[in-house]
N, C-alpha and C. Protein backbone atom coordinates (compact mmCIF):
# COMPACT_ATOMS: atom_id res chain seq x y z
N MET A 1 0.81 -1.17 -0.01
CA MET A 1 -0.01 0.02 -0.02
C MET A 1 0.85 1.24 -0.05
N GLY A 2 0.61 2.20 -0.89
CA GLY A 2 1.37 3.43 -0.98
C GLY A 2 1.15 4.31 0.18
N VAL A 3 2.16 5.08 0.55
CA VAL A 3 2.03 5.98 1.65
C VAL A 3 2.45 7.31 1.14
N PRO A 4 1.64 8.40 1.30
CA PRO A 4 2.04 9.71 0.82
C PRO A 4 3.24 10.25 1.68
N ALA A 5 4.09 10.96 1.02
CA ALA A 5 5.30 11.55 1.54
C ALA A 5 4.97 13.00 2.03
N ALA A 6 5.66 13.38 3.19
CA ALA A 6 5.48 14.67 3.62
C ALA A 6 6.80 15.28 3.97
N ARG A 7 6.92 16.58 4.25
CA ARG A 7 8.23 17.20 4.54
C ARG A 7 8.88 16.65 5.64
N ASP A 8 8.10 16.35 6.84
CA ASP A 8 8.83 15.85 8.04
C ASP A 8 8.86 14.33 8.04
N GLY A 9 8.35 13.58 7.08
CA GLY A 9 8.47 12.19 7.10
C GLY A 9 7.34 11.51 6.31
N LEU A 10 7.17 10.17 6.51
CA LEU A 10 6.10 9.47 5.94
C LEU A 10 4.91 9.46 6.75
N ARG A 11 3.80 9.77 6.21
CA ARG A 11 2.51 9.84 7.01
C ARG A 11 1.52 8.90 6.38
N LEU A 12 0.63 8.38 7.24
CA LEU A 12 -0.59 7.65 6.77
C LEU A 12 -1.77 8.33 7.49
N GLY A 13 -2.48 9.11 6.67
CA GLY A 13 -3.48 9.97 7.19
C GLY A 13 -2.86 11.05 8.10
N GLY A 14 -3.22 11.19 9.32
CA GLY A 14 -2.63 12.13 10.18
C GLY A 14 -1.51 11.65 11.06
N ASP A 15 -1.11 10.37 10.89
CA ASP A 15 -0.15 9.73 11.74
C ASP A 15 1.20 9.67 11.10
N LEU A 16 2.25 10.15 11.78
CA LEU A 16 3.55 10.08 11.24
C LEU A 16 4.19 8.69 11.42
N LEU A 17 4.54 8.06 10.37
CA LEU A 17 5.03 6.69 10.39
C LEU A 17 6.62 6.69 10.67
N ALA A 18 7.32 7.55 10.04
CA ALA A 18 8.77 7.58 10.17
C ALA A 18 9.24 8.97 9.69
N PRO A 19 10.27 9.56 10.38
CA PRO A 19 10.85 10.78 9.95
C PRO A 19 11.73 10.62 8.73
N VAL A 20 11.87 11.57 7.93
CA VAL A 20 12.77 11.40 6.70
C VAL A 20 14.23 11.10 7.07
N ALA A 21 14.72 11.69 8.13
CA ALA A 21 16.14 11.44 8.38
C ALA A 21 16.35 9.95 8.77
N GLY A 22 15.46 9.35 9.47
CA GLY A 22 15.55 7.93 9.84
C GLY A 22 15.34 6.97 8.68
N VAL A 23 14.54 7.36 7.79
CA VAL A 23 14.29 6.53 6.56
C VAL A 23 15.55 6.61 5.69
N ALA A 24 16.05 7.82 5.58
CA ALA A 24 17.33 8.04 4.74
C ALA A 24 18.50 7.22 5.31
N ALA A 25 18.62 7.19 6.57
CA ALA A 25 19.71 6.53 7.29
C ALA A 25 19.68 4.98 7.14
N SER A 26 18.44 4.47 7.28
CA SER A 26 18.21 3.05 7.17
C SER A 26 17.81 2.50 5.91
N ARG A 27 17.56 3.45 4.95
CA ARG A 27 17.08 3.09 3.59
C ARG A 27 15.81 2.22 3.65
N GLY A 28 14.97 2.50 4.62
CA GLY A 28 13.66 1.78 4.68
C GLY A 28 13.12 1.95 6.11
N VAL A 29 11.98 1.39 6.39
CA VAL A 29 11.27 1.58 7.64
C VAL A 29 11.35 0.29 8.53
N ALA A 30 12.10 -0.70 8.12
CA ALA A 30 12.07 -1.96 8.81
C ALA A 30 12.82 -1.75 10.23
N ALA A 31 13.93 -1.02 10.26
CA ALA A 31 14.67 -0.85 11.43
C ALA A 31 13.81 0.01 12.42
N LEU A 32 13.17 0.99 11.89
CA LEU A 32 12.33 1.92 12.81
C LEU A 32 11.10 1.13 13.28
N ALA A 33 10.56 0.21 12.51
CA ALA A 33 9.45 -0.58 12.93
C ALA A 33 9.92 -1.62 14.02
N ARG A 34 11.12 -2.16 13.86
CA ARG A 34 11.55 -3.06 14.91
C ARG A 34 11.76 -2.34 16.26
N ALA A 35 12.23 -1.10 16.20
CA ALA A 35 12.49 -0.30 17.47
C ALA A 35 11.21 0.02 18.13
N ALA A 36 10.16 0.34 17.27
CA ALA A 36 8.80 0.74 17.82
C ALA A 36 8.19 -0.53 18.41
N ALA A 37 8.36 -1.71 17.78
CA ALA A 37 7.82 -2.93 18.34
C ALA A 37 8.48 -3.34 19.67
N SER A 38 9.78 -3.04 19.73
CA SER A 38 10.52 -3.35 21.03
C SER A 38 9.93 -2.58 22.17
N GLU A 39 9.59 -1.27 21.86
CA GLU A 39 9.02 -0.44 22.92
C GLU A 39 7.59 -0.85 23.29
N ALA A 40 6.88 -1.30 22.20
CA ALA A 40 5.48 -1.75 22.50
C ALA A 40 5.35 -3.05 23.18
N ALA A 41 6.44 -3.96 23.10
CA ALA A 41 6.37 -5.24 23.63
C ALA A 41 6.25 -5.25 25.17
N GLY A 42 6.66 -4.16 25.83
CA GLY A 42 6.56 -4.13 27.21
C GLY A 42 5.23 -3.69 27.74
N GLY A 43 4.28 -3.26 26.83
CA GLY A 43 2.99 -2.84 27.25
C GLY A 43 1.97 -3.90 27.41
N GLU A 44 0.85 -3.75 26.69
CA GLU A 44 -0.27 -4.65 26.81
C GLU A 44 0.10 -6.03 26.12
N VAL A 45 -0.73 -7.02 26.47
CA VAL A 45 -0.42 -8.41 26.00
C VAL A 45 -0.73 -8.48 24.53
N ASP A 46 -1.49 -7.62 23.95
CA ASP A 46 -1.87 -7.77 22.55
C ASP A 46 -1.03 -6.86 21.62
N ARG A 47 0.09 -6.31 22.19
CA ARG A 47 0.97 -5.62 21.38
C ARG A 47 1.90 -6.55 20.47
N LEU A 48 2.77 -5.90 19.64
CA LEU A 48 3.65 -6.60 18.76
C LEU A 48 4.94 -6.94 19.45
N VAL A 49 5.65 -7.97 19.05
CA VAL A 49 6.99 -8.27 19.55
C VAL A 49 7.87 -8.38 18.26
N THR A 50 9.19 -8.19 18.41
CA THR A 50 9.98 -8.24 17.29
C THR A 50 10.42 -9.58 16.97
N GLY A 51 10.56 -9.84 15.68
CA GLY A 51 11.03 -11.19 15.26
C GLY A 51 11.79 -11.00 13.93
N GLY A 52 13.02 -10.55 14.01
CA GLY A 52 13.90 -10.31 12.85
C GLY A 52 13.38 -9.11 12.12
N ASP A 53 13.06 -9.33 10.81
CA ASP A 53 12.45 -8.30 10.09
C ASP A 53 11.00 -8.26 10.01
N ARG A 54 10.43 -9.06 10.86
CA ARG A 54 8.95 -9.17 10.97
C ARG A 54 8.48 -8.73 12.40
N GLN A 55 7.24 -8.38 12.57
CA GLN A 55 6.66 -8.11 13.80
C GLN A 55 5.53 -9.10 14.02
N LEU A 56 5.69 -9.90 15.08
CA LEU A 56 4.73 -10.95 15.37
C LEU A 56 3.85 -10.69 16.54
N ALA A 57 2.66 -11.12 16.45
CA ALA A 57 1.68 -10.92 17.54
C ALA A 57 1.91 -11.79 18.75
N ARG A 58 2.70 -11.33 19.63
CA ARG A 58 3.02 -12.19 20.87
C ARG A 58 3.40 -13.59 20.59
N ALA A 59 4.27 -13.73 19.56
CA ALA A 59 4.67 -15.19 19.24
C ALA A 59 5.52 -15.78 20.29
N GLY A 60 6.07 -15.03 21.21
CA GLY A 60 6.92 -15.65 22.24
C GLY A 60 6.20 -16.31 23.36
N ILE A 61 4.84 -16.06 23.48
CA ILE A 61 4.00 -16.60 24.51
C ILE A 61 3.25 -17.83 24.03
N TRP A 62 3.54 -18.98 24.42
CA TRP A 62 2.83 -20.26 24.06
C TRP A 62 1.63 -20.43 24.95
N GLY A 63 0.49 -20.51 24.27
CA GLY A 63 -0.76 -20.83 25.01
C GLY A 63 -1.44 -19.62 25.52
N GLY A 64 -0.88 -18.47 25.44
CA GLY A 64 -1.59 -17.25 25.88
C GLY A 64 -1.12 -16.78 27.23
N ASP A 65 -1.65 -15.71 27.66
CA ASP A 65 -1.35 -15.06 29.05
C ASP A 65 -2.16 -15.94 30.07
N LYS A 66 -1.59 -15.82 31.29
CA LYS A 66 -2.15 -16.49 32.55
C LYS A 66 -2.30 -18.09 32.29
N THR A 67 -1.18 -18.54 31.73
CA THR A 67 -0.99 -20.01 31.56
C THR A 67 0.35 -20.42 32.10
N GLY A 68 0.49 -21.67 32.43
CA GLY A 68 1.83 -22.13 32.93
C GLY A 68 1.83 -23.64 33.01
N PRO A 69 2.98 -24.21 33.22
CA PRO A 69 3.11 -25.69 33.28
C PRO A 69 2.41 -26.25 34.54
N SER A 70 1.49 -27.10 34.29
CA SER A 70 0.73 -27.64 35.49
C SER A 70 1.58 -28.69 36.21
N PRO A 71 1.73 -28.64 37.50
CA PRO A 71 2.45 -29.55 38.27
C PRO A 71 1.81 -30.96 38.42
N VAL A 72 0.46 -31.02 38.08
CA VAL A 72 -0.27 -32.23 38.29
C VAL A 72 -0.65 -32.81 36.86
N ASP A 73 -0.26 -32.32 35.84
CA ASP A 73 -0.62 -32.79 34.53
C ASP A 73 0.65 -32.83 33.56
N ARG A 74 1.73 -33.43 34.08
CA ARG A 74 2.90 -33.71 33.26
C ARG A 74 3.44 -32.39 32.67
N SER A 75 3.32 -31.32 33.46
CA SER A 75 3.87 -29.97 33.00
C SER A 75 3.22 -29.40 31.73
N ARG A 76 1.98 -29.82 31.44
CA ARG A 76 1.29 -29.28 30.28
C ARG A 76 0.81 -27.89 30.57
N SER A 77 0.95 -27.02 29.60
CA SER A 77 0.53 -25.59 29.87
C SER A 77 -0.94 -25.48 30.04
N GLY A 78 -1.42 -24.75 30.99
CA GLY A 78 -2.81 -24.61 31.16
C GLY A 78 -3.15 -23.56 32.25
N SER A 79 -4.33 -23.37 32.56
CA SER A 79 -4.79 -22.36 33.52
C SER A 79 -5.62 -23.06 34.65
N LYS A 80 -5.83 -22.28 35.69
CA LYS A 80 -6.67 -22.75 36.83
C LYS A 80 -7.78 -21.79 37.18
N HIS A 81 -8.91 -22.38 37.60
CA HIS A 81 -10.08 -21.49 38.05
C HIS A 81 -10.06 -21.46 39.57
N HIS A 82 -10.19 -20.27 40.16
CA HIS A 82 -10.30 -20.21 41.62
C HIS A 82 -11.67 -19.66 41.95
N LEU A 83 -12.42 -20.23 42.88
CA LEU A 83 -13.79 -19.86 43.07
C LEU A 83 -14.15 -19.73 44.53
N ILE A 84 -14.89 -18.79 44.91
CA ILE A 84 -15.51 -18.74 46.32
C ILE A 84 -16.95 -18.82 46.12
N ALA A 85 -17.64 -19.66 46.85
CA ALA A 85 -19.12 -19.93 46.78
C ALA A 85 -19.70 -19.84 48.13
N CYS A 86 -20.96 -19.49 48.15
CA CYS A 86 -21.61 -19.49 49.40
C CYS A 86 -22.00 -20.89 49.88
N GLY A 87 -22.68 -21.06 51.02
CA GLY A 87 -22.98 -22.43 51.51
C GLY A 87 -23.90 -23.22 50.69
N ARG A 88 -24.64 -22.45 49.69
CA ARG A 88 -25.56 -23.19 48.76
C ARG A 88 -24.89 -23.49 47.47
N GLY A 89 -23.67 -23.05 47.24
CA GLY A 89 -23.01 -23.23 46.00
C GLY A 89 -23.06 -22.11 45.00
N THR A 90 -23.74 -20.98 45.32
CA THR A 90 -23.80 -19.89 44.47
C THR A 90 -22.45 -19.15 44.36
N PRO A 91 -21.90 -19.00 43.16
CA PRO A 91 -20.54 -18.44 43.07
C PRO A 91 -20.57 -16.91 43.47
N LEU A 92 -19.63 -16.46 44.26
CA LEU A 92 -19.51 -15.18 44.75
C LEU A 92 -18.43 -14.36 44.08
N ALA A 93 -17.29 -15.04 43.83
CA ALA A 93 -16.10 -14.46 43.18
C ALA A 93 -15.29 -15.57 42.46
N VAL A 94 -14.74 -15.19 41.32
CA VAL A 94 -13.93 -16.14 40.49
C VAL A 94 -12.75 -15.50 39.99
N SER A 95 -11.70 -16.25 39.82
CA SER A 95 -10.46 -15.61 39.11
C SER A 95 -9.70 -16.70 38.25
N LEU A 96 -8.78 -16.21 37.45
CA LEU A 96 -8.11 -17.12 36.59
C LEU A 96 -6.57 -16.96 36.79
N SER A 97 -5.82 -18.01 36.82
CA SER A 97 -4.40 -17.99 36.95
C SER A 97 -3.71 -19.00 36.13
N GLY A 98 -2.40 -18.92 36.06
CA GLY A 98 -1.64 -19.98 35.36
C GLY A 98 -1.57 -21.27 36.10
N GLY A 99 -1.43 -22.38 35.40
CA GLY A 99 -1.34 -23.67 36.03
C GLY A 99 -0.32 -23.80 37.06
N ASN A 100 0.73 -23.04 36.99
CA ASN A 100 1.85 -23.05 37.98
C ASN A 100 1.85 -22.09 39.05
N ARG A 101 0.71 -21.36 39.06
CA ARG A 101 0.55 -20.32 40.06
C ARG A 101 0.09 -20.89 41.42
N ASN A 102 0.72 -20.44 42.55
CA ASN A 102 0.29 -21.05 43.80
C ASN A 102 -1.01 -20.53 44.19
N ASP A 103 -1.85 -21.42 44.72
CA ASP A 103 -3.26 -21.07 45.13
C ASP A 103 -3.28 -19.99 46.22
N ILE A 104 -2.24 -19.87 46.97
CA ILE A 104 -2.23 -18.98 48.15
C ILE A 104 -2.37 -17.55 47.69
N THR A 105 -1.73 -17.22 46.45
CA THR A 105 -1.76 -15.95 46.01
C THR A 105 -3.08 -15.39 45.57
N GLU A 106 -4.05 -16.37 45.33
CA GLU A 106 -5.41 -15.96 44.87
C GLU A 106 -6.43 -15.89 46.00
N MET A 107 -6.07 -16.28 47.18
CA MET A 107 -7.14 -16.36 48.19
C MET A 107 -7.64 -15.03 48.69
N ILE A 108 -6.74 -14.17 49.08
CA ILE A 108 -7.09 -12.82 49.53
C ILE A 108 -7.75 -12.00 48.53
N PRO A 109 -7.26 -11.92 47.30
CA PRO A 109 -7.94 -11.16 46.21
C PRO A 109 -9.36 -11.59 46.00
N LEU A 110 -9.65 -12.95 46.05
CA LEU A 110 -10.96 -13.47 45.91
C LEU A 110 -11.82 -13.07 47.05
N VAL A 111 -11.33 -13.09 48.32
CA VAL A 111 -12.15 -12.69 49.39
C VAL A 111 -12.53 -11.19 49.35
N ASP A 112 -11.56 -10.38 48.87
CA ASP A 112 -11.77 -8.94 48.73
C ASP A 112 -12.77 -8.66 47.52
N ALA A 113 -12.90 -9.54 46.61
CA ALA A 113 -13.78 -9.36 45.43
C ALA A 113 -15.19 -9.77 45.63
N ILE A 114 -15.52 -10.37 46.87
CA ILE A 114 -16.86 -10.71 47.17
C ILE A 114 -17.79 -9.48 47.18
N PRO A 115 -18.90 -9.47 46.35
CA PRO A 115 -19.72 -8.25 46.29
C PRO A 115 -20.69 -8.25 47.51
N PRO A 116 -21.35 -7.12 47.79
CA PRO A 116 -22.32 -7.07 48.84
C PRO A 116 -23.42 -8.16 48.64
N VAL A 117 -23.70 -8.92 49.65
CA VAL A 117 -24.76 -9.93 49.63
C VAL A 117 -25.86 -9.64 50.54
N ARG A 118 -27.00 -9.38 50.02
CA ARG A 118 -28.21 -9.05 50.85
C ARG A 118 -28.79 -10.36 51.49
N GLY A 119 -29.21 -10.28 52.65
CA GLY A 119 -29.91 -11.41 53.37
C GLY A 119 -30.78 -10.89 54.43
N ARG A 120 -30.36 -10.98 55.64
CA ARG A 120 -31.27 -10.48 56.76
C ARG A 120 -31.23 -8.93 56.71
N ARG A 121 -32.05 -8.35 57.60
CA ARG A 121 -32.19 -6.91 57.68
C ARG A 121 -30.84 -6.30 58.08
N GLY A 122 -30.59 -5.16 57.58
CA GLY A 122 -29.31 -4.49 57.88
C GLY A 122 -28.43 -4.27 56.67
N ARG A 123 -27.19 -3.90 56.98
CA ARG A 123 -26.22 -3.64 55.92
C ARG A 123 -25.84 -4.95 55.27
N PRO A 124 -25.78 -5.01 53.85
CA PRO A 124 -25.40 -6.24 53.14
C PRO A 124 -24.03 -6.61 53.57
N ARG A 125 -23.81 -7.94 53.72
CA ARG A 125 -22.48 -8.54 54.11
C ARG A 125 -21.58 -8.54 52.91
N ARG A 126 -20.30 -8.24 53.18
CA ARG A 126 -19.28 -8.38 52.06
C ARG A 126 -18.26 -9.44 52.50
N ARG A 127 -18.20 -9.94 53.83
CA ARG A 127 -17.23 -10.87 54.19
C ARG A 127 -17.86 -12.02 54.92
N PRO A 128 -17.53 -13.21 54.73
CA PRO A 128 -18.10 -14.42 55.40
C PRO A 128 -17.60 -14.41 56.82
N CYS A 129 -18.23 -15.27 57.61
CA CYS A 129 -17.76 -15.56 59.02
C CYS A 129 -16.62 -16.61 58.97
N ARG A 130 -16.73 -17.56 58.10
CA ARG A 130 -15.81 -18.67 57.98
C ARG A 130 -15.44 -18.90 56.52
N LEU A 131 -14.28 -19.35 56.32
CA LEU A 131 -13.75 -19.63 55.02
C LEU A 131 -13.18 -21.13 54.99
N TYR A 132 -13.78 -21.99 54.23
CA TYR A 132 -13.36 -23.34 54.13
C TYR A 132 -12.44 -23.50 52.83
N GLY A 133 -11.39 -24.23 52.95
CA GLY A 133 -10.46 -24.48 51.85
C GLY A 133 -9.47 -25.66 52.05
N ASP A 134 -8.93 -26.08 51.00
CA ASP A 134 -7.93 -27.25 51.13
C ASP A 134 -6.57 -26.76 51.51
N ARG A 135 -5.64 -27.68 51.64
CA ARG A 135 -4.24 -27.33 52.09
C ARG A 135 -3.57 -26.38 51.14
N ALA A 136 -3.93 -26.32 49.86
CA ALA A 136 -3.24 -25.49 48.97
C ALA A 136 -3.42 -24.00 49.36
N TYR A 137 -4.44 -23.66 50.13
CA TYR A 137 -4.69 -22.26 50.48
C TYR A 137 -4.14 -22.00 51.85
N HIS A 138 -3.30 -22.87 52.46
CA HIS A 138 -2.78 -22.60 53.77
C HIS A 138 -1.47 -21.81 53.72
N SER A 139 -1.42 -20.74 54.51
CA SER A 139 -0.19 -20.07 54.76
C SER A 139 -0.41 -19.21 56.04
N ARG A 140 0.64 -18.99 56.75
CA ARG A 140 0.53 -18.15 57.92
C ARG A 140 0.14 -16.69 57.64
N GLN A 141 0.74 -16.16 56.64
CA GLN A 141 0.37 -14.79 56.32
C GLN A 141 -1.11 -14.71 55.86
N GLY A 142 -1.54 -15.70 55.09
CA GLY A 142 -2.99 -15.66 54.67
C GLY A 142 -3.97 -15.75 55.82
N ARG A 143 -3.60 -16.62 56.82
CA ARG A 143 -4.39 -16.78 58.05
C ARG A 143 -4.48 -15.34 58.71
N ARG A 144 -3.30 -14.72 58.81
CA ARG A 144 -3.31 -13.42 59.56
C ARG A 144 -4.12 -12.42 58.84
N ARG A 145 -4.06 -12.40 57.52
CA ARG A 145 -4.81 -11.44 56.71
C ARG A 145 -6.34 -11.76 56.86
N LEU A 146 -6.72 -13.07 56.93
CA LEU A 146 -8.13 -13.41 57.20
C LEU A 146 -8.55 -12.94 58.60
N ARG A 147 -7.71 -13.08 59.55
CA ARG A 147 -8.10 -12.64 60.99
C ARG A 147 -8.32 -11.15 61.07
N ARG A 148 -7.46 -10.36 60.24
CA ARG A 148 -7.67 -8.86 60.19
C ARG A 148 -9.10 -8.54 59.62
N ARG A 149 -9.60 -9.41 58.80
CA ARG A 149 -10.89 -9.23 58.22
C ARG A 149 -12.00 -9.90 59.07
N ASN A 150 -11.71 -10.38 60.31
CA ASN A 150 -12.57 -11.05 61.12
C ASN A 150 -13.27 -12.27 60.45
N ILE A 151 -12.41 -13.00 59.74
CA ILE A 151 -12.83 -14.28 59.06
C ILE A 151 -12.02 -15.46 59.73
N GLN A 152 -12.78 -16.44 60.11
CA GLN A 152 -12.23 -17.67 60.70
C GLN A 152 -11.73 -18.59 59.61
N ALA A 153 -10.55 -19.00 59.59
CA ALA A 153 -10.02 -19.81 58.50
C ALA A 153 -10.20 -21.34 58.89
N LYS A 154 -11.00 -22.03 58.10
CA LYS A 154 -11.20 -23.46 58.24
C LYS A 154 -10.45 -24.07 57.12
N ILE A 155 -9.09 -24.07 57.18
CA ILE A 155 -8.21 -24.56 56.17
C ILE A 155 -7.28 -25.59 56.79
N ALA A 156 -7.16 -26.67 56.17
CA ALA A 156 -6.39 -27.77 56.70
C ALA A 156 -4.88 -27.37 56.69
N ARG A 157 -4.09 -27.73 57.81
CA ARG A 157 -2.75 -27.47 57.82
C ARG A 157 -1.94 -28.67 57.36
N PRO A 158 -0.75 -28.44 56.86
CA PRO A 158 0.05 -29.63 56.32
C PRO A 158 0.33 -30.57 57.39
N ARG A 159 0.29 -31.86 57.00
CA ARG A 159 0.75 -32.99 57.85
C ARG A 159 -0.19 -33.06 59.06
N LYS A 160 -1.40 -32.61 58.92
CA LYS A 160 -2.39 -32.83 60.03
C LYS A 160 -3.68 -33.33 59.47
N ALA A 161 -4.56 -33.76 60.33
CA ALA A 161 -5.81 -34.39 59.95
C ALA A 161 -6.64 -33.24 59.18
N HIS A 162 -7.38 -33.72 58.18
CA HIS A 162 -8.10 -32.76 57.40
C HIS A 162 -9.25 -32.13 58.23
N GLY A 163 -9.23 -30.80 58.32
CA GLY A 163 -10.28 -30.15 59.11
C GLY A 163 -10.98 -29.04 58.37
N SER A 164 -10.98 -29.09 56.97
CA SER A 164 -11.57 -27.98 56.24
C SER A 164 -12.89 -28.30 55.67
N GLY A 165 -13.56 -29.35 56.29
CA GLY A 165 -14.94 -29.62 55.90
C GLY A 165 -15.03 -30.43 54.67
N LEU A 166 -14.04 -31.23 54.37
CA LEU A 166 -14.17 -32.19 53.16
C LEU A 166 -15.27 -33.13 53.44
N GLY A 167 -16.22 -33.16 52.39
CA GLY A 167 -17.40 -34.05 52.45
C GLY A 167 -18.50 -33.49 53.26
N THR A 168 -18.25 -32.34 53.96
CA THR A 168 -19.35 -31.72 54.71
C THR A 168 -19.71 -30.36 54.20
N HIS A 169 -18.65 -29.50 53.94
CA HIS A 169 -18.85 -28.20 53.44
C HIS A 169 -18.19 -27.96 52.12
N ARG A 170 -17.05 -28.55 51.94
CA ARG A 170 -16.19 -28.16 50.65
C ARG A 170 -16.82 -28.79 49.50
N TRP A 171 -17.64 -29.81 49.52
CA TRP A 171 -18.20 -30.41 48.37
C TRP A 171 -19.12 -29.42 47.58
N VAL A 172 -19.59 -28.41 48.32
CA VAL A 172 -20.45 -27.37 47.72
C VAL A 172 -19.66 -26.69 46.60
N VAL A 173 -18.51 -26.20 46.95
CA VAL A 173 -17.67 -25.44 45.94
C VAL A 173 -17.15 -26.35 44.82
N GLU A 174 -16.93 -27.68 45.26
CA GLU A 174 -16.47 -28.61 44.17
C GLU A 174 -17.61 -28.80 43.13
N ARG A 175 -18.80 -28.82 43.71
CA ARG A 175 -19.95 -29.11 42.78
C ARG A 175 -20.16 -27.88 41.78
N THR A 176 -19.94 -26.69 42.40
CA THR A 176 -20.05 -25.46 41.57
C THR A 176 -19.01 -25.47 40.44
N ILE A 177 -17.79 -25.86 40.78
CA ILE A 177 -16.77 -25.93 39.74
C ILE A 177 -17.09 -27.02 38.71
N ALA A 178 -17.70 -28.11 39.13
CA ALA A 178 -18.13 -29.07 38.21
C ALA A 178 -19.28 -28.59 37.27
N TRP A 179 -20.17 -27.74 37.82
CA TRP A 179 -21.13 -27.17 36.97
C TRP A 179 -20.56 -26.19 35.91
N LEU A 180 -19.50 -25.44 36.31
CA LEU A 180 -18.86 -24.54 35.30
C LEU A 180 -18.16 -25.36 34.23
N HIS A 181 -17.56 -26.47 34.64
CA HIS A 181 -16.67 -27.24 33.71
C HIS A 181 -17.60 -28.21 32.79
N LYS A 182 -18.90 -28.10 33.05
CA LYS A 182 -19.75 -28.77 32.03
C LYS A 182 -19.84 -27.95 30.76
N LEU A 183 -19.51 -26.69 30.90
CA LEU A 183 -19.41 -25.81 29.70
C LEU A 183 -18.01 -26.08 29.05
N LYS A 184 -18.08 -26.56 27.82
CA LYS A 184 -16.79 -26.93 27.13
C LYS A 184 -15.85 -25.77 27.00
N ARG A 185 -16.40 -24.63 26.79
CA ARG A 185 -15.55 -23.42 26.66
C ARG A 185 -14.82 -23.10 27.85
N LEU A 186 -15.19 -23.56 29.02
CA LEU A 186 -14.45 -23.34 30.29
C LEU A 186 -13.60 -24.53 30.60
N LEU A 187 -14.07 -25.75 30.17
CA LEU A 187 -13.27 -26.90 30.56
C LEU A 187 -11.92 -26.90 29.76
N VAL A 188 -11.94 -26.48 28.57
CA VAL A 188 -10.84 -26.37 27.75
C VAL A 188 -10.62 -24.91 27.33
N ARG A 189 -9.49 -24.45 27.68
CA ARG A 189 -9.17 -22.97 27.19
C ARG A 189 -8.71 -22.90 25.77
N TYR A 190 -9.47 -22.26 24.93
CA TYR A 190 -9.13 -22.10 23.57
C TYR A 190 -8.56 -20.62 23.30
N ASP A 191 -8.68 -19.72 24.18
CA ASP A 191 -8.44 -18.27 23.91
C ASP A 191 -7.03 -17.97 24.41
N ARG A 192 -6.21 -17.31 23.60
CA ARG A 192 -4.90 -16.88 23.98
C ARG A 192 -5.08 -15.70 24.96
N ARG A 193 -5.98 -14.77 24.72
CA ARG A 193 -6.17 -13.60 25.59
C ARG A 193 -6.94 -13.97 26.78
N HIS A 194 -6.35 -13.62 27.98
CA HIS A 194 -6.96 -14.11 29.23
C HIS A 194 -8.24 -13.36 29.49
N GLU A 195 -8.45 -12.10 28.95
CA GLU A 195 -9.61 -11.34 29.07
C GLU A 195 -10.88 -12.05 28.47
N ILE A 196 -10.63 -12.65 27.33
CA ILE A 196 -11.73 -13.45 26.64
C ILE A 196 -12.16 -14.58 27.55
N HIS A 197 -11.15 -15.38 28.03
CA HIS A 197 -11.64 -16.51 28.85
C HIS A 197 -12.26 -16.04 30.11
N GLU A 198 -11.76 -15.01 30.72
CA GLU A 198 -12.42 -14.50 31.92
C GLU A 198 -13.82 -14.03 31.72
N ALA A 199 -14.05 -13.46 30.45
CA ALA A 199 -15.35 -13.07 30.15
C ALA A 199 -16.33 -14.29 30.11
N PHE A 200 -15.86 -15.41 29.44
CA PHE A 200 -16.67 -16.58 29.40
C PHE A 200 -16.82 -17.21 30.75
N LEU A 201 -15.84 -16.99 31.70
CA LEU A 201 -15.95 -17.54 33.03
C LEU A 201 -17.03 -16.76 33.77
N ALA A 202 -17.05 -15.44 33.60
CA ALA A 202 -18.17 -14.70 34.24
C ALA A 202 -19.56 -15.00 33.78
N LEU A 203 -19.61 -15.31 32.33
CA LEU A 203 -20.89 -15.78 31.78
C LEU A 203 -21.32 -17.08 32.39
N GLY A 204 -20.37 -17.97 32.54
CA GLY A 204 -20.71 -19.28 33.16
C GLY A 204 -21.25 -19.19 34.60
N CYS A 205 -20.60 -18.26 35.35
CA CYS A 205 -21.15 -18.06 36.74
C CYS A 205 -22.51 -17.46 36.72
N CYS A 206 -22.72 -16.54 35.71
CA CYS A 206 -24.17 -16.02 35.51
C CYS A 206 -25.20 -17.12 35.24
N LEU A 207 -24.76 -18.08 34.42
CA LEU A 207 -25.67 -19.23 34.11
C LEU A 207 -25.98 -20.05 35.29
N VAL A 208 -24.95 -20.30 36.11
CA VAL A 208 -25.11 -21.09 37.36
C VAL A 208 -26.17 -20.30 38.26
N CYS A 209 -25.89 -19.01 38.39
CA CYS A 209 -26.88 -18.24 39.27
C CYS A 209 -28.28 -18.27 38.65
N PHE A 210 -28.41 -18.13 37.41
CA PHE A 210 -29.77 -18.19 36.75
C PHE A 210 -30.43 -19.49 36.92
N ARG A 211 -29.71 -20.56 36.73
CA ARG A 211 -30.30 -21.92 36.94
C ARG A 211 -30.74 -22.18 38.36
N ARG A 212 -29.94 -21.77 39.26
CA ARG A 212 -30.31 -21.90 40.66
C ARG A 212 -31.51 -21.06 41.05
N LEU A 213 -31.62 -19.85 40.41
CA LEU A 213 -32.83 -19.07 40.70
C LEU A 213 -34.02 -19.68 40.08
N GLN A 214 -33.89 -20.28 38.89
CA GLN A 214 -35.01 -21.05 38.35
C GLN A 214 -35.52 -22.22 39.09
N ASN A 215 -34.49 -22.94 39.64
CA ASN A 215 -34.82 -24.10 40.51
C ASN A 215 -35.50 -23.75 41.87
N SER A 216 -35.27 -22.52 42.34
CA SER A 216 -35.80 -22.08 43.62
C SER A 216 -37.20 -21.54 43.51
N LEU A 217 -37.67 -21.28 42.29
CA LEU A 217 -38.93 -20.67 42.08
C LEU A 217 -40.05 -21.71 42.06
């Protein structure tokens, strides 16, 4: 595609593509394009990265953002869903992380992401009284941060008897995750951009809430 020349450089519409001095020195725009792509590579995930004389769309990231080698699936690249649900299994907050991301890092952000929930008279609750979870969510710092929020941690400690409500309380959130993974778009991640997968994850939670509302009528 031809580009009109201007006194100060090459322009496309009102955008300056390259100054005349730079084009004359490099005898083309390839070097300038590589430099611009190098600067853009540190920005958003959908920017360009340099690849010789070509600019490739995030070619260096295999599988997309928020993915990583899973320690329980022969190091295959994948993602994990983290979910907080109420005692009836209604999803309250959900997040996405790489398969190699420690679950501890997602616990407090999920708790803080719980929206106001109306129930009895008075101010809507934003924080639960108790939080059940498996050993993957155990950490001293995490327990301290939960205590600051007046939340009792029912999380199993390493090398001790399981006390996090397995089979009594925790099956509720496992069932909700199973409901979400009945949707093939969530069971298998097809999207490179994590924003797209997170959007489908939010839609899946909406479907779970809608179906539970239908069943309660």
